[in-house]
Amino acid sequence: MSADPNETWNASGFLHVSPESKRPYAADVLESLHADAAEIIARYPQKRSALLPLLHLVQSVDGYVSGRGVSFCAEVLDLTTAEVSGVATFYTQYKRHPNGEYTVGVCTNTLCAIMGGDQIWDTVSEHLGVGHDETTGDGKITLERIECNAACDYAPVVMTNWEFFDNQTPDSTVKLVDDLRAGKQVAPTRGPSRVCTFKEVSRVLAGFDDGLADEGVGAGPASLLGLRIAKDNGWVAPEGGDSAGSGTASSTDRKDGSQ
């Protein structure tokens, strides 16, 4: 549930945001935002290039790209609010209404779908009572259909705040969302030992290390199988810069002299 008393959830999971939600940041929050923004902007030769991580930064505070977040980004980057909003509405990782504490994404792209992703989606959507980009009444889970996350070797895959949950089933995914709503610590299949909240991962995406990046294994045996076979057989890729084997003969190599 949003901490803002002016924001209320209706039964279908949609959020009604009042104009009061654009009220200015508290002085201490604004001071912290300016300090973090200065650190982000210093990474780039032109400060307008810092817009993407700055949008993640305001999400880490508000849980979405709020009206005041748009105004803050515009102010510190010397952009118009229209320019900031244009970027914020282009990328799906930026939310224009308060997101749940956990984004649970079910891959329904081709391979995951035929391996059970569609069944997972139908089951979890019915279980939670929400559809795509809708949030449960307690503000815990925002459910999404997602496109391929480059984990086809572990299909069907479910992502929770962009951490991998491999080889899922309808039952295992229902347990996942129930555990998240109950406040239990949940560990992804690979990677870090726990799943961060949406606000926490937004701060990481803004460029601030949480110390978990090198925790756990990122690639599993199925992903590395081809590499292992190549090493076992001594296979190597051909060196670049050689036209041999390109399938195209040069004009000097053509016996008939044709061009």
C-alpha atoms as a PDB file:
ATOM      1  CA  MET A   1       0.000   0.000   0.000  1.00  0.00           C
ATOM      2  CA  SER A   2       1.276   3.476  -0.796  1.00  0.00           C
ATOM      3  CA  ALA A   3       2.441   5.505   2.180  1.00  0.00           C
ATOM      4  CA  ASP A   4       0.699   8.554   0.747  1.00  0.00           C
ATOM      5  CA  PRO A   5      -2.737   8.961   2.367  1.00  0.00           C
ATOM      6  CA  ASN A   6      -3.927  10.801  -0.746  1.00  0.00           C
ATOM      7  CA  GLU A   7      -3.392   7.696  -2.886  1.00  0.00           C
ATOM      8  CA  THR A   8      -5.962   4.902  -2.620  1.00  0.00           C
ATOM      9  CA  TRP A   9      -6.308   1.491  -4.242  1.00  0.00           C
ATOM     10  CA  ASN A  10      -9.613   0.362  -5.657  1.00  0.00           C
ATOM     11  CA  ALA A  11     -10.813  -3.229  -5.772  1.00  0.00           C
ATOM     12  CA  SER A  12      -9.479  -3.883  -9.279  1.00  0.00           C
ATOM     13  CA  GLY A  13      -5.958  -2.836  -8.356  1.00  0.00           C
ATOM     14  CA  PHE A  14      -5.942   0.533 -10.124  1.00  0.00           C
ATOM     15  CA  LEU A  15      -4.622   3.517  -8.239  1.00  0.00           C
ATOM     16  CA  HIS A  16      -6.346   6.876  -7.917  1.00  0.00           C
ATOM     17  CA  VAL A  17      -3.711   9.603  -7.497  1.00  0.00           C
ATOM     18  CA  SER A  18      -4.883  12.964  -6.235  1.00  0.00           C
ATOM     19  CA  PRO A  19      -3.285  16.308  -7.157  1.00  0.00           C
ATOM     20  CA  GLU A  20      -1.906  16.478  -3.614  1.00  0.00           C
ATOM     21  CA  SER A  21       0.521  13.687  -4.530  1.00  0.00           C
ATOM     22  CA  LYS A  22       2.573  16.333  -6.362  1.00  0.00           C
ATOM     23  CA  ARG A  23       3.338  18.179  -3.148  1.00  0.00           C
ATOM     24  CA  PRO A  24       7.036  19.093  -2.689  1.00  0.00           C
ATOM     25  CA  TYR A  25       9.526  16.724  -1.125  1.00  0.00           C
ATOM     26  CA  ALA A  26      10.320  17.143   2.554  1.00  0.00           C
ATOM     27  CA  ALA A  27      13.465  19.202   3.108  1.00  0.00           C
ATOM     28  CA  ASP A  28      15.602  16.262   4.246  1.00  0.00           C
ATOM     29  CA  VAL A  29      14.463  14.082   1.338  1.00  0.00           C
ATOM     30  CA  LEU A  30      15.155  16.868  -1.143  1.00  0.00           C
ATOM     31  CA  GLU A  31      18.625  17.414   0.316  1.00  0.00           C
ATOM     32  CA  SER A  32      19.426  13.714  -0.080  1.00  0.00           C
ATOM     33  CA  LEU A  33      18.060  13.681  -3.632  1.00  0.00           C
ATOM     34  CA  HIS A  34      20.232  16.635  -4.617  1.00  0.00           C
ATOM     35  CA  ALA A  35      23.332  14.959  -3.169  1.00  0.00           C
ATOM     36  CA  ASP A  36      22.643  11.699  -5.000  1.00  0.00           C
ATOM     37  CA  ALA A  37      21.755  13.538  -8.213  1.00  0.00           C
ATOM     38  CA  ALA A  38      25.046  15.458  -8.120  1.00  0.00           C
ATOM     39  CA  GLU A  39      26.932  12.158  -7.843  1.00  0.00           C
ATOM     40  CA  ILE A  40      25.011  10.705 -10.789  1.00  0.00           C
ATOM     41  CA  ILE A  41      25.386  13.789 -12.991  1.00  0.00           C
ATOM     42  CA  ALA A  42      29.163  13.839 -12.377  1.00  0.00           C
ATOM     43  CA  ARG A  43      29.448  10.530 -14.257  1.00  0.00           C
ATOM     44  CA  TYR A  44      28.437  12.108 -17.583  1.00  0.00           C
ATOM     45  CA  PRO A  45      30.049  14.722 -19.873  1.00  0.00           C
ATOM     46  CA  GLN A  46      26.614  16.314 -20.409  1.00  0.00           C
ATOM     47  CA  LYS A  47      24.239  16.378 -17.488  1.00  0.00           C
ATOM     48  CA  ARG A  48      21.140  15.677 -19.580  1.00  0.00           C
ATOM     49  CA  SER A  49      22.634  12.219 -20.194  1.00  0.00           C
ATOM     50  CA  ALA A  50      21.958  11.446 -16.523  1.00  0.00           C
ATOM     51  CA  LEU A  51      18.182  11.390 -17.020  1.00  0.00           C
ATOM     52  CA  LEU A  52      17.736   7.599 -17.053  1.00  0.00           C
ATOM     53  CA  PRO A  53      19.458   6.936 -13.710  1.00  0.00           C
ATOM     54  CA  LEU A  54      17.806  10.022 -12.210  1.00  0.00           C
ATOM     55  CA  LEU A  55      14.395   8.594 -13.055  1.00  0.00           C
ATOM     56  CA  HIS A  56      15.369   5.420 -11.215  1.00  0.00           C
ATOM     57  CA  LEU A  57      16.523   7.595  -8.314  1.00  0.00           C
ATOM     58  CA  VAL A  58      13.146   9.295  -7.875  1.00  0.00           C
ATOM     59  CA  GLN A  59      11.479   5.880  -8.194  1.00  0.00           C
ATOM     60  CA  SER A  60      13.632   4.697  -5.294  1.00  0.00           C
ATOM     61  CA  VAL A  61      12.055   7.431  -3.167  1.00  0.00           C
ATOM     62  CA  ASP A  62       8.447   7.522  -4.394  1.00  0.00           C
ATOM     63  CA  GLY A  63       8.014   4.000  -5.752  1.00  0.00           C
ATOM     64  CA  TYR A  64       7.191   5.436  -9.184  1.00  0.00           C
ATOM     65  CA  VAL A  65       8.008   8.462 -11.338  1.00  0.00           C
ATOM     66  CA  SER A  66       5.780  10.955  -9.577  1.00  0.00           C
ATOM     67  CA  GLY A  67       4.871  14.453 -10.683  1.00  0.00           C
ATOM     68  CA  ARG A  68       7.322  15.913  -8.195  1.00  0.00           C
ATOM     69  CA  GLY A  69       9.948  13.431  -9.404  1.00  0.00           C
ATOM     70  CA  VAL A  70       9.516  14.649 -12.971  1.00  0.00           C
ATOM     71  CA  SER A  71       9.837  18.253 -11.791  1.00  0.00           C
ATOM     72  CA  PHE A  72      12.979  17.423  -9.815  1.00  0.00           C
ATOM     73  CA  CYS A  73      14.665  15.751 -12.809  1.00  0.00           C
ATOM     74  CA  ALA A  74      13.732  18.648 -15.072  1.00  0.00           C
ATOM     75  CA  GLU A  75      15.105  21.192 -12.615  1.00  0.00           C
ATOM     76  CA  VAL A  76      18.496  19.582 -11.985  1.00  0.00           C
ATOM     77  CA  LEU A  77      19.065  18.693 -15.660  1.00  0.00           C
ATOM     78  CA  ASP A  78      17.767  21.952 -17.188  1.00  0.00           C
ATOM     79  CA  LEU A  79      15.110  20.072 -19.141  1.00  0.00           C
ATOM     80  CA  THR A  80      11.414  20.685 -19.567  1.00  0.00           C
ATOM     81  CA  THR A  81       8.954  18.479 -17.740  1.00  0.00           C
ATOM     82  CA  ALA A  82       7.676  17.412 -21.178  1.00  0.00           C
ATOM     83  CA  GLU A  83      11.146  16.133 -22.111  1.00  0.00           C
ATOM     84  CA  VAL A  84      11.411  14.194 -18.858  1.00  0.00           C
ATOM     85  CA  SER A  85       7.899  12.767 -19.179  1.00  0.00           C
ATOM     86  CA  GLY A  86       8.589  11.724 -22.765  1.00  0.00           C
ATOM     87  CA  VAL A  87      11.431   9.493 -21.592  1.00  0.00           C
ATOM     88  CA  ALA A  88       9.600   8.254 -18.492  1.00  0.00           C
ATOM     89  CA  THR A  89       6.634   7.098 -20.568  1.00  0.00           C
ATOM     90  CA  PHE A  90       8.794   5.418 -23.233  1.00  0.00           C
ATOM     91  CA  TYR A  91      10.491   2.812 -21.033  1.00  0.00           C
ATOM     92  CA  THR A  92       8.409   0.247 -19.184  1.00  0.00           C
ATOM     93  CA  GLN A  93      10.736   0.102 -16.178  1.00  0.00           C
ATOM     94  CA  TYR A  94       9.574   3.600 -15.254  1.00  0.00           C
ATOM     95  CA  LYS A  95       6.179   3.490 -13.571  1.00  0.00           C
ATOM     96  CA  ARG A  96       3.767   6.427 -13.797  1.00  0.00           C
ATOM     97  CA  HIS A  97       1.604   5.198 -10.940  1.00  0.00           C
ATOM     98  CA  PRO A  98       2.760   3.729  -7.615  1.00  0.00           C
ATOM     99  CA  ASN A  99       4.205   0.279  -8.108  1.00  0.00           C
ATOM    100  CA  GLY A 100       3.858  -2.632  -5.736  1.00  0.00           C
ATOM    101  CA  GLU A 101       6.651  -3.553  -3.375  1.00  0.00           C
ATOM    102  CA  TYR A 102       7.475  -6.403  -5.745  1.00  0.00           C
ATOM    103  CA  THR A 103       7.057  -6.548  -9.512  1.00  0.00           C
ATOM    104  CA  VAL A 104       6.326 -10.139 -10.499  1.00  0.00           C
ATOM    105  CA  GLY A 105       6.807 -10.630 -14.224  1.00  0.00           C
ATOM    106  CA  VAL A 106       5.646 -13.776 -15.994  1.00  0.00           C
ATOM    107  CA  CYS A 107       7.358 -14.413 -19.319  1.00  0.00           C
ATOM    108  CA  THR A 108       4.783 -15.342 -21.951  1.00  0.00           C
ATOM    109  CA  ASN A 109       7.076 -15.022 -24.953  1.00  0.00           C
ATOM    110  CA  THR A 110       7.196 -17.951 -27.361  1.00  0.00           C
ATOM    111  CA  LEU A 111       9.321 -20.553 -25.575  1.00  0.00           C
ATOM    112  CA  CYS A 112       8.193 -19.762 -22.032  1.00  0.00           C
ATOM    113  CA  ALA A 113       4.583 -19.708 -23.217  1.00  0.00           C
ATOM    114  CA  ILE A 114       4.680 -23.188 -24.716  1.00  0.00           C
ATOM    115  CA  MET A 115       6.616 -24.490 -21.699  1.00  0.00           C
ATOM    116  CA  GLY A 116       3.888 -23.334 -19.324  1.00  0.00           C
ATOM    117  CA  GLY A 117       4.162 -19.558 -19.086  1.00  0.00           C
ATOM    118  CA  ASP A 118       0.591 -18.992 -20.245  1.00  0.00           C
ATOM    119  CA  GLN A 119      -0.728 -21.365 -17.595  1.00  0.00           C
ATOM    120  CA  ILE A 120       1.375 -19.633 -14.941  1.00  0.00           C
ATOM    121  CA  TRP A 121      -0.006 -16.265 -15.999  1.00  0.00           C
ATOM    122  CA  ASP A 122      -3.623 -17.402 -15.962  1.00  0.00           C
ATOM    123  CA  THR A 123      -3.266 -19.082 -12.570  1.00  0.00           C
ATOM    124  CA  VAL A 124      -1.432 -16.250 -10.817  1.00  0.00           C
ATOM    125  CA  SER A 125      -3.594 -13.525 -12.346  1.00  0.00           C
ATOM    126  CA  GLU A 126      -6.721 -15.281 -11.098  1.00  0.00           C
ATOM    127  CA  HIS A 127      -5.138 -16.020  -7.711  1.00  0.00           C
ATOM    128  CA  LEU A 128      -4.184 -12.373  -7.146  1.00  0.00           C
ATOM    129  CA  GLY A 129      -7.247 -10.888  -8.812  1.00  0.00           C
ATOM    130  CA  VAL A 130      -5.204  -8.513 -10.969  1.00  0.00           C
ATOM    131  CA  GLY A 131      -4.156  -8.273 -14.606  1.00  0.00           C
ATOM    132  CA  HIS A 132      -1.170  -6.827 -16.436  1.00  0.00           C
ATOM    133  CA  ASP A 133       0.395  -3.797 -14.708  1.00  0.00           C
ATOM    134  CA  GLU A 134      -2.173  -3.958 -11.927  1.00  0.00           C
ATOM    135  CA  THR A 135      -1.361  -4.056  -8.233  1.00  0.00           C
ATOM    136  CA  THR A 136      -2.872  -6.060  -5.405  1.00  0.00           C
ATOM    137  CA  GLY A 137      -4.998  -4.193  -2.888  1.00  0.00           C
ATOM    138  CA  ASP A 138      -2.311  -4.472  -0.203  1.00  0.00           C
ATOM    139  CA  GLY A 139       0.232  -2.776  -2.485  1.00  0.00           C
ATOM    140  CA  LYS A 140       2.578  -5.765  -2.341  1.00  0.00           C
ATOM    141  CA  ILE A 141       2.529  -7.203  -5.870  1.00  0.00           C
ATOM    142  CA  THR A 142       2.399  -5.583  -9.289  1.00  0.00           C
ATOM    143  CA  LEU A 143       1.818  -8.285 -11.899  1.00  0.00           C
ATOM    144  CA  GLU A 144       3.227  -7.990 -15.413  1.00  0.00           C
ATOM    145  CA  ARG A 145       3.424  -9.964 -18.625  1.00  0.00           C
ATOM    146  CA  ILE A 146       7.043  -9.655 -19.722  1.00  0.00           C
ATOM    147  CA  GLU A 147       9.016 -10.327 -22.868  1.00  0.00           C
ATOM    148  CA  CYS A 148      12.084 -12.566 -23.154  1.00  0.00           C
ATOM    149  CA  ASN A 149      14.653 -12.094 -20.380  1.00  0.00           C
ATOM    150  CA  ALA A 150      17.367 -14.212 -22.049  1.00  0.00           C
ATOM    151  CA  ALA A 151      16.720 -17.218 -19.822  1.00  0.00           C
ATOM    152  CA  CYS A 152      15.075 -19.507 -22.364  1.00  0.00           C
ATOM    153  CA  ASP A 153      17.186 -22.455 -21.184  1.00  0.00           C
ATOM    154  CA  TYR A 154      15.264 -22.305 -17.898  1.00  0.00           C
ATOM    155  CA  ALA A 155      11.763 -21.791 -19.301  1.00  0.00           C
ATOM    156  CA  PRO A 156       9.262 -20.999 -18.014  1.00  0.00           C
ATOM    157  CA  VAL A 157      10.800 -18.076 -16.153  1.00  0.00           C
ATOM    158  CA  VAL A 158       9.285 -15.652 -13.668  1.00  0.00           C
ATOM    159  CA  MET A 159      11.094 -12.441 -12.685  1.00  0.00           C
ATOM    160  CA  THR A 160      10.668 -10.757  -9.320  1.00  0.00           C
ATOM    161  CA  ASN A 161      12.140  -7.250  -9.313  1.00  0.00           C
ATOM    162  CA  TRP A 162      14.347  -8.512 -12.168  1.00  0.00           C
ATOM    163  CA  GLU A 163      15.742 -11.517 -10.307  1.00  0.00           C
ATOM    164  CA  PHE A 164      15.383 -14.945 -11.929  1.00  0.00           C
ATOM    165  CA  PHE A 165      13.017 -17.662 -10.780  1.00  0.00           C
ATOM    166  CA  ASP A 166      13.703 -20.519 -13.178  1.00  0.00           C
ATOM    167  CA  ASN A 167      11.661 -23.565 -14.241  1.00  0.00           C
ATOM    168  CA  GLN A 168       8.516 -22.305 -12.573  1.00  0.00           C
ATOM    169  CA  THR A 169       5.090 -23.930 -12.394  1.00  0.00           C
ATOM    170  CA  PRO A 170       1.690 -22.439 -11.590  1.00  0.00           C
ATOM    171  CA  ASP A 171       1.913 -23.842  -8.044  1.00  0.00           C
ATOM    172  CA  SER A 172       5.465 -22.617  -7.390  1.00  0.00           C
ATOM    173  CA  THR A 173       4.588 -19.134  -8.617  1.00  0.00           C
ATOM    174  CA  VAL A 174       1.480 -18.968  -6.438  1.00  0.00           C
ATOM    175  CA  LYS A 175       3.688 -19.905  -3.469  1.00  0.00           C
ATOM    176  CA  LEU A 176       6.166 -17.200  -4.503  1.00  0.00           C
ATOM    177  CA  VAL A 177       3.590 -14.413  -4.517  1.00  0.00           C
ATOM    178  CA  ASP A 178       2.000 -15.680  -1.304  1.00  0.00           C
ATOM    179  CA  ASP A 179       5.389 -15.661   0.441  1.00  0.00           C
ATOM    180  CA  LEU A 180       6.109 -12.138  -0.802  1.00  0.00           C
ATOM    181  CA  ARG A 181       2.745 -10.884   0.452  1.00  0.00           C
ATOM    182  CA  ALA A 182       3.345 -12.575   3.810  1.00  0.00           C
ATOM    183  CA  GLY A 183       6.652 -10.743   4.217  1.00  0.00           C
ATOM    184  CA  LYS A 184       8.797 -13.868   3.992  1.00  0.00           C
ATOM    185  CA  GLN A 185      12.339 -13.600   2.660  1.00  0.00           C
ATOM    186  CA  VAL A 186      12.447 -15.053  -0.836  1.00  0.00           C
ATOM    187  CA  ALA A 187      15.604 -16.172  -2.651  1.00  0.00           C
ATOM    188  CA  PRO A 188      15.877 -16.246  -6.451  1.00  0.00           C
ATOM    189  CA  THR A 189      17.042 -19.369  -8.263  1.00  0.00           C
ATOM    190  CA  ARG A 190      20.425 -17.775  -8.935  1.00  0.00           C
ATOM    191  CA  GLY A 191      22.151 -14.549  -8.064  1.00  0.00           C
ATOM    192  CA  PRO A 192      21.729 -12.801  -4.693  1.00  0.00           C
ATOM    193  CA  SER A 193      20.427 -14.499  -1.574  1.00  0.00           C
ATOM    194  CA  ARG A 194      17.294 -12.363  -1.400  1.00  0.00           C
ATOM    195  CA  VAL A 195      14.994 -10.276  -3.553  1.00  0.00           C
ATOM    196  CA  CYS A 196      15.226  -6.526  -3.005  1.00  0.00           C
ATOM    197  CA  THR A 197      12.130  -4.349  -2.868  1.00  0.00           C
ATOM    198  CA  PHE A 198      11.154  -2.271  -5.885  1.00  0.00           C
ATOM    199  CA  LYS A 199      12.501   0.878  -4.232  1.00  0.00           C
ATOM    200  CA  GLU A 200      15.770  -0.836  -3.321  1.00  0.00           C
ATOM    201  CA  VAL A 201      16.358  -2.177  -6.817  1.00  0.00           C
ATOM    202  CA  SER A 202      15.473   1.232  -8.295  1.00  0.00           C
ATOM    203  CA  ARG A 203      18.332   2.723  -6.294  1.00  0.00           C
ATOM    204  CA  VAL A 204      20.663   0.039  -7.639  1.00  0.00           C
ATOM    205  CA  LEU A 205      19.545   0.883 -11.191  1.00  0.00           C
ATOM    206  CA  ALA A 206      20.345   4.515 -10.406  1.00  0.00           C
ATOM    207  CA  GLY A 207      23.941   3.369  -9.940  1.00  0.00           C
ATOM    208  CA  PHE A 208      24.293   2.895  -6.200  1.00  0.00           C
ATOM    209  CA  ASP A 209      25.790  -0.465  -5.208  1.00  0.00           C
ATOM    210  CA  ASP A 210      23.889  -2.559  -2.670  1.00  0.00           C
ATOM    211  CA  GLY A 211      26.713  -5.060  -2.210  1.00  0.00           C
ATOM    212  CA  LEU A 212      24.755  -7.921  -3.777  1.00  0.00           C
ATOM    213  CA  ALA A 213      25.980  -7.721  -7.381  1.00  0.00           C
ATOM    214  CA  ASP A 214      28.651 -10.405  -6.957  1.00  0.00           C
ATOM    215  CA  GLU A 215      26.611 -12.617  -4.661  1.00  0.00           C
ATOM    216  CA  GLY A 216      25.685 -16.040  -5.978  1.00  0.00           C
ATOM    217  CA  VAL A 217      25.981 -17.533  -9.464  1.00  0.00           C
ATOM    218  CA  GLY A 218      24.534 -15.585 -12.383  1.00  0.00           C
ATOM    219  CA  ALA A 219      24.661 -18.269 -15.078  1.00  0.00           C
ATOM    220  CA  GLY A 220      23.570 -21.847 -14.460  1.00  0.00           C
ATOM    221  CA  PRO A 221      24.829 -25.123 -16.001  1.00  0.00           C
ATOM    222  CA  ALA A 222      22.274 -25.102 -18.829  1.00  0.00           C
ATOM    223  CA  SER A 223      23.432 -21.650 -19.940  1.00  0.00           C
ATOM    224  CA  LEU A 224      27.096 -22.705 -19.940  1.00  0.00           C
ATOM    225  CA  LEU A 225      26.688 -26.129 -21.555  1.00  0.00           C
ATOM    226  CA  GLY A 226      27.716 -25.003 -25.042  1.00  0.00           C
ATOM    227  CA  LEU A 227      30.827 -23.278 -23.681  1.00  0.00           C
ATOM    228  CA  ARG A 228      31.814 -26.398 -21.725  1.00  0.00           C
ATOM    229  CA  ILE A 229      31.420 -28.645 -24.790  1.00  0.00           C
ATOM    230  CA  ALA A 230      33.514 -26.243 -26.885  1.00  0.00           C
ATOM    231  CA  LYS A 231      36.295 -26.228 -24.292  1.00  0.00           C
ATOM    232  CA  ASP A 232      36.232 -30.014 -23.923  1.00  0.00           C
ATOM    233  CA  ASN A 233      36.632 -30.408 -27.704  1.00  0.00           C
ATOM    234  CA  GLY A 234      39.137 -27.607 -28.192  1.00  0.00           C
ATOM    235  CA  TRP A 235      36.797 -25.667 -30.452  1.00  0.00           C
ATOM    236  CA  VAL A 236      37.677 -22.031 -31.100  1.00  0.00           C
ATOM    237  CA  ALA A 237      36.132 -19.316 -33.234  1.00  0.00           C
ATOM    238  CA  PRO A 238      38.027 -18.365 -36.419  1.00  0.00           C
ATOM    239  CA  GLU A 239      40.158 -15.259 -36.205  1.00  0.00           C
ATOM    240  CA  GLY A 240      38.709 -12.123 -37.735  1.00  0.00           C
ATOM    241  CA  GLY A 241      40.044 -10.234 -40.734  1.00  0.00           C
ATOM    242  CA  ASP A 242      40.383 -13.294 -42.982  1.00  0.00           C
ATOM    243  CA  SER A 243      38.156 -13.494 -46.069  1.00  0.00           C
ATOM    244  CA  ALA A 244      38.586 -17.280 -46.243  1.00  0.00           C
ATOM    245  CA  GLY A 245      35.326 -19.037 -45.691  1.00  0.00           C
ATOM    246  CA  SER A 246      33.322 -15.861 -46.130  1.00  0.00           C
ATOM    247  CA  GLY A 247      31.527 -17.321 -49.129  1.00  0.00           C
ATOM    248  CA  THR A 248      32.476 -14.379 -51.323  1.00  0.00           C
ATOM    249  CA  ALA A 249      35.382 -14.632 -53.762  1.00  0.00           C
ATOM    250  CA  SER A 250      37.359 -11.544 -54.735  1.00  0.00           C
ATOM    251  CA  SER A 251      37.451 -10.447 -58.369  1.00  0.00           C
ATOM    252  CA  THR A 252      41.057 -11.633 -58.731  1.00  0.00           C
ATOM    253  CA  ASP A 253      40.005 -15.135 -57.675  1.00  0.00           C
ATOM    254  CA  ARG A 254      37.343 -15.461 -60.378  1.00  0.00           C
ATOM    255  CA  LYS A 255      38.638 -17.524 -63.252  1.00  0.00           C
ATOM    256  CA  ASP A 256      36.223 -16.037 -65.766  1.00  0.00           C
ATOM    257  CA  GLY A 257      37.314 -12.485 -64.993  1.00  0.00           C
ATOM    258  CA  SER A 258      33.758 -11.347 -64.273  1.00  0.00           C
ATOM    259  CA  GLN A 259      33.227  -8.471 -61.832  1.00  0.00           C
END
